[in-house]
C-alpha cells in the first residue's frame, strides 16, 4: 500500500522553527520529485516547495523563500521541510505528495494526484 506519513508539526511562536518530515512506505521515493503543500481553513491549497529526484532542482513559493528549506534523503525514503522565521500566515495543514518534473521547468508546485498522507498541523501563534 502506497502511503505517506507526515510528522513534525505543532504549535510554535512567531519567529520560531519547525522541521517537517514525510516518510514513504510501500514504494521508493527515489524515482519521484516531491513537494510540500499546505492548506489553511477557508483558503485554497498552496504549493510550498518541491524538490527533484536528485535534489538539483528545488522551488519555493514566494511567501516562504529565504525561510524554508526542502531536502530529501533517498536512503531513508523521506523528504523534509525546515521552516524558520515562522509567521502566523504559515499556519495550516501541511502534507507531502509527488509532483511533476520536466527538464525545462524542473519540479512543479502542483500534486500529481497520487497518494497523500493525513498531513501535519502547523500553528504559529503567540
Foldseek 3Di string as FASTA:
>chain_A
DWAKDKDWADEAAQQAKIKMKIAIPPDFCLQFKKWKWWDDPPDDIWTAKIAGNVRPDIDGDPVQPPFKDKDDDRVRRMIMIIGGRDDQVVWGFMKMATFDADPPPGTDRDHPPDYIHPTHTHGYHD
